[in-house]
Amino acid sequence: MDQRPPHHRCPTCGRTFTWDSQAPWRPFCSERCRLIDLGEWLDEGYRVPDREAGAPFLPPDDDPQT
């Protein structure tokens, strides 16, 4: 059985690095890549998808079917 630690590709720069307990910035290869990713979130470069545009907001207790 292969006992080598798994390798992972950094989501920021694409560099391959060893994924083990010695990689403190997982899933990134370095603190720099981690901070670049954080900056993208803070600058709203990344967004979590919202409900469909134009769809009315209904609180969970308001069921239009009842």
N, C-alpha and C. Protein backbone atom coordinates (compact mmCIF):
# COMPACT_ATOMS: atom_id res chain seq x y z
N MET A 1 0.84 -1.18 0.00
CA MET A 1 0.00 0.00 0.00
C MET A 1 0.89 1.25 0.00
N ASP A 2 0.48 2.26 -0.73
CA ASP A 2 1.25 3.50 -0.86
C ASP A 2 1.08 4.35 0.39
N GLN A 3 2.19 4.64 1.09
CA GLN A 3 2.15 5.40 2.34
C GLN A 3 2.57 6.86 2.15
N ARG A 4 2.78 7.29 0.91
CA ARG A 4 3.16 8.68 0.68
C ARG A 4 1.98 9.60 1.00
N PRO A 5 2.25 10.77 1.57
CA PRO A 5 1.16 11.70 1.86
C PRO A 5 0.51 12.18 0.56
N PRO A 6 -0.78 12.46 0.60
CA PRO A 6 -1.47 12.91 -0.61
C PRO A 6 -1.01 14.30 -1.03
N HIS A 7 -1.13 14.56 -2.31
CA HIS A 7 -0.80 15.87 -2.85
C HIS A 7 -2.10 16.59 -3.21
N HIS A 8 -2.05 17.89 -3.14
CA HIS A 8 -3.23 18.71 -3.37
C HIS A 8 -2.81 19.91 -4.20
N ARG A 9 -3.71 20.43 -5.00
CA ARG A 9 -3.43 21.61 -5.80
C ARG A 9 -4.03 22.83 -5.10
N CYS A 10 -3.22 23.86 -4.92
CA CYS A 10 -3.65 25.10 -4.26
C CYS A 10 -4.75 25.76 -5.10
N PRO A 11 -5.90 26.11 -4.50
CA PRO A 11 -6.97 26.73 -5.27
C PRO A 11 -6.65 28.14 -5.75
N THR A 12 -5.65 28.78 -5.18
CA THR A 12 -5.30 30.15 -5.58
C THR A 12 -4.28 30.17 -6.70
N CYS A 13 -3.16 29.48 -6.53
CA CYS A 13 -2.08 29.57 -7.52
C CYS A 13 -1.92 28.31 -8.37
N GLY A 14 -2.52 27.20 -7.94
CA GLY A 14 -2.44 25.96 -8.70
C GLY A 14 -1.21 25.12 -8.39
N ARG A 15 -0.35 25.58 -7.50
CA ARG A 15 0.86 24.83 -7.14
C ARG A 15 0.47 23.55 -6.40
N THR A 16 1.17 22.46 -6.65
CA THR A 16 0.93 21.20 -5.96
C THR A 16 1.77 21.16 -4.69
N PHE A 17 1.16 20.73 -3.58
CA PHE A 17 1.88 20.64 -2.32
C PHE A 17 1.42 19.40 -1.57
N THR A 18 2.21 18.98 -0.59
CA THR A 18 1.90 17.80 0.21
C THR A 18 0.84 18.15 1.24
N TRP A 19 -0.22 17.35 1.26
CA TRP A 19 -1.34 17.58 2.17
C TRP A 19 -1.12 16.72 3.42
N ASP A 20 -0.52 17.32 4.44
CA ASP A 20 -0.31 16.61 5.69
C ASP A 20 -0.33 17.61 6.84
N SER A 21 -0.05 17.14 8.04
CA SER A 21 -0.11 18.02 9.21
C SER A 21 0.96 19.10 9.19
N GLN A 22 1.96 18.97 8.32
CA GLN A 22 3.01 19.97 8.21
C GLN A 22 2.63 21.13 7.28
N ALA A 23 1.45 21.07 6.69
CA ALA A 23 0.98 22.14 5.79
C ALA A 23 -0.03 22.99 6.56
N PRO A 24 0.43 24.02 7.26
CA PRO A 24 -0.44 24.78 8.16
C PRO A 24 -1.50 25.63 7.47
N TRP A 25 -1.37 25.88 6.17
CA TRP A 25 -2.33 26.76 5.50
C TRP A 25 -3.32 25.99 4.63
N ARG A 26 -3.45 24.70 4.86
CA ARG A 26 -4.37 23.90 4.06
C ARG A 26 -5.73 24.57 3.99
N PRO A 27 -6.41 24.62 2.88
CA PRO A 27 -6.13 23.97 1.60
C PRO A 27 -5.23 24.78 0.68
N PHE A 28 -4.58 25.81 1.20
CA PHE A 28 -3.69 26.64 0.40
C PHE A 28 -2.24 26.20 0.60
N CYS A 29 -1.38 26.57 -0.35
CA CYS A 29 0.03 26.17 -0.25
C CYS A 29 0.83 27.11 0.64
N SER A 30 0.33 28.32 0.88
CA SER A 30 1.09 29.29 1.66
C SER A 30 0.15 30.30 2.30
N GLU A 31 0.69 31.05 3.23
CA GLU A 31 -0.09 32.11 3.86
C GLU A 31 -0.47 33.17 2.83
N ARG A 32 0.41 33.43 1.89
CA ARG A 32 0.12 34.41 0.84
C ARG A 32 -1.13 34.02 0.06
N CYS A 33 -1.22 32.76 -0.37
CA CYS A 33 -2.40 32.31 -1.11
C CYS A 33 -3.65 32.36 -0.25
N ARG A 34 -3.52 32.04 1.03
CA ARG A 34 -4.66 32.11 1.94
C ARG A 34 -5.17 33.54 2.04
N LEU A 35 -4.25 34.51 2.15
CA LEU A 35 -4.65 35.91 2.26
C LEU A 35 -5.22 36.45 0.95
N ILE A 36 -4.71 35.99 -0.18
CA ILE A 36 -5.29 36.39 -1.47
C ILE A 36 -6.73 35.92 -1.54
N ASP A 37 -7.00 34.69 -1.14
CA ASP A 37 -8.36 34.15 -1.15
C ASP A 37 -9.26 34.94 -0.20
N LEU A 38 -8.78 35.23 1.00
CA LEU A 38 -9.55 36.02 1.95
C LEU A 38 -9.88 37.39 1.37
N GLY A 39 -8.92 38.02 0.73
CA GLY A 39 -9.15 39.32 0.10
C GLY A 39 -10.22 39.27 -0.97
N GLU A 40 -10.26 38.18 -1.74
CA GLU A 40 -11.32 38.03 -2.75
C GLU A 40 -12.70 37.98 -2.10
N TRP A 41 -12.82 37.27 -1.00
CA TRP A 41 -14.10 37.21 -0.29
C TRP A 41 -14.47 38.59 0.27
N LEU A 42 -13.49 39.28 0.87
CA LEU A 42 -13.77 40.58 1.48
C LEU A 42 -14.10 41.64 0.44
N ASP A 43 -13.52 41.54 -0.75
CA ASP A 43 -13.81 42.48 -1.84
C ASP A 43 -15.03 42.06 -2.65
N GLU A 44 -15.72 41.01 -2.19
CA GLU A 44 -16.90 40.45 -2.85
C GLU A 44 -16.60 39.93 -4.25
N GLY A 45 -15.37 39.46 -4.43
CA GLY A 45 -15.01 38.81 -5.69
C GLY A 45 -15.64 37.43 -5.78
N TYR A 46 -15.85 36.81 -4.63
CA TYR A 46 -16.56 35.54 -4.55
C TYR A 46 -17.89 35.82 -3.86
N ARG A 47 -18.91 35.12 -4.29
CA ARG A 47 -20.22 35.29 -3.67
C ARG A 47 -20.91 33.94 -3.55
N VAL A 48 -21.68 33.80 -2.50
CA VAL A 48 -22.51 32.61 -2.33
C VAL A 48 -23.79 32.86 -3.11
N PRO A 49 -24.22 31.92 -3.95
CA PRO A 49 -25.44 32.14 -4.75
C PRO A 49 -26.64 32.44 -3.86
N ASP A 50 -27.44 33.37 -4.32
CA ASP A 50 -28.65 33.79 -3.62
C ASP A 50 -29.85 33.15 -4.30
N ARG A 51 -31.02 33.37 -3.74
CA ARG A 51 -32.23 32.85 -4.37
C ARG A 51 -32.37 33.47 -5.75
N GLU A 52 -33.26 32.95 -6.54
CA GLU A 52 -33.44 33.44 -7.90
C GLU A 52 -33.79 34.92 -7.89
N ALA A 53 -33.23 35.66 -8.84
CA ALA A 53 -33.52 37.09 -8.94
C ALA A 53 -35.01 37.29 -9.21
N GLY A 54 -35.61 38.18 -8.50
CA GLY A 54 -37.02 38.49 -8.69
C GLY A 54 -37.96 37.60 -7.91
N ALA A 55 -37.46 36.53 -7.31
CA ALA A 55 -38.32 35.65 -6.52
C ALA A 55 -38.64 36.33 -5.20
N PRO A 56 -39.90 36.33 -4.79
CA PRO A 56 -40.25 36.99 -3.53
C PRO A 56 -39.67 36.23 -2.34
N PHE A 57 -39.33 36.97 -1.31
CA PHE A 57 -38.83 36.34 -0.09
C PHE A 57 -40.02 35.96 0.77
N LEU A 58 -40.09 34.71 1.14
CA LEU A 58 -41.13 34.24 2.05
C LEU A 58 -40.45 33.62 3.26
N PRO A 59 -40.74 34.13 4.45
CA PRO A 59 -40.17 33.50 5.65
C PRO A 59 -40.60 32.03 5.69
N PRO A 60 -39.85 31.18 6.36
CA PRO A 60 -40.14 29.74 6.37
C PRO A 60 -41.56 29.38 6.81
N ASP A 61 -42.20 30.18 7.66
CA ASP A 61 -43.55 29.85 8.13
C ASP A 61 -44.63 30.24 7.13
N ASP A 62 -44.33 31.03 6.13
CA ASP A 62 -45.32 31.47 5.15
C ASP A 62 -45.30 30.54 3.95
N ASP A 63 -46.20 29.58 3.92
CA ASP A 63 -46.29 28.64 2.82
C ASP A 63 -47.43 29.08 1.92
N PRO A 64 -47.17 29.47 0.67
CA PRO A 64 -48.24 29.95 -0.21
C PRO A 64 -49.22 28.86 -0.60
N GLN A 65 -48.91 27.60 -0.35
CA GLN A 65 -49.80 26.50 -0.71
C GLN A 65 -50.91 26.26 0.29
N THR A 66 -50.83 26.85 1.49
CA THR A 66 -51.86 26.60 2.51
C THR A 66 -52.84 27.72 2.61
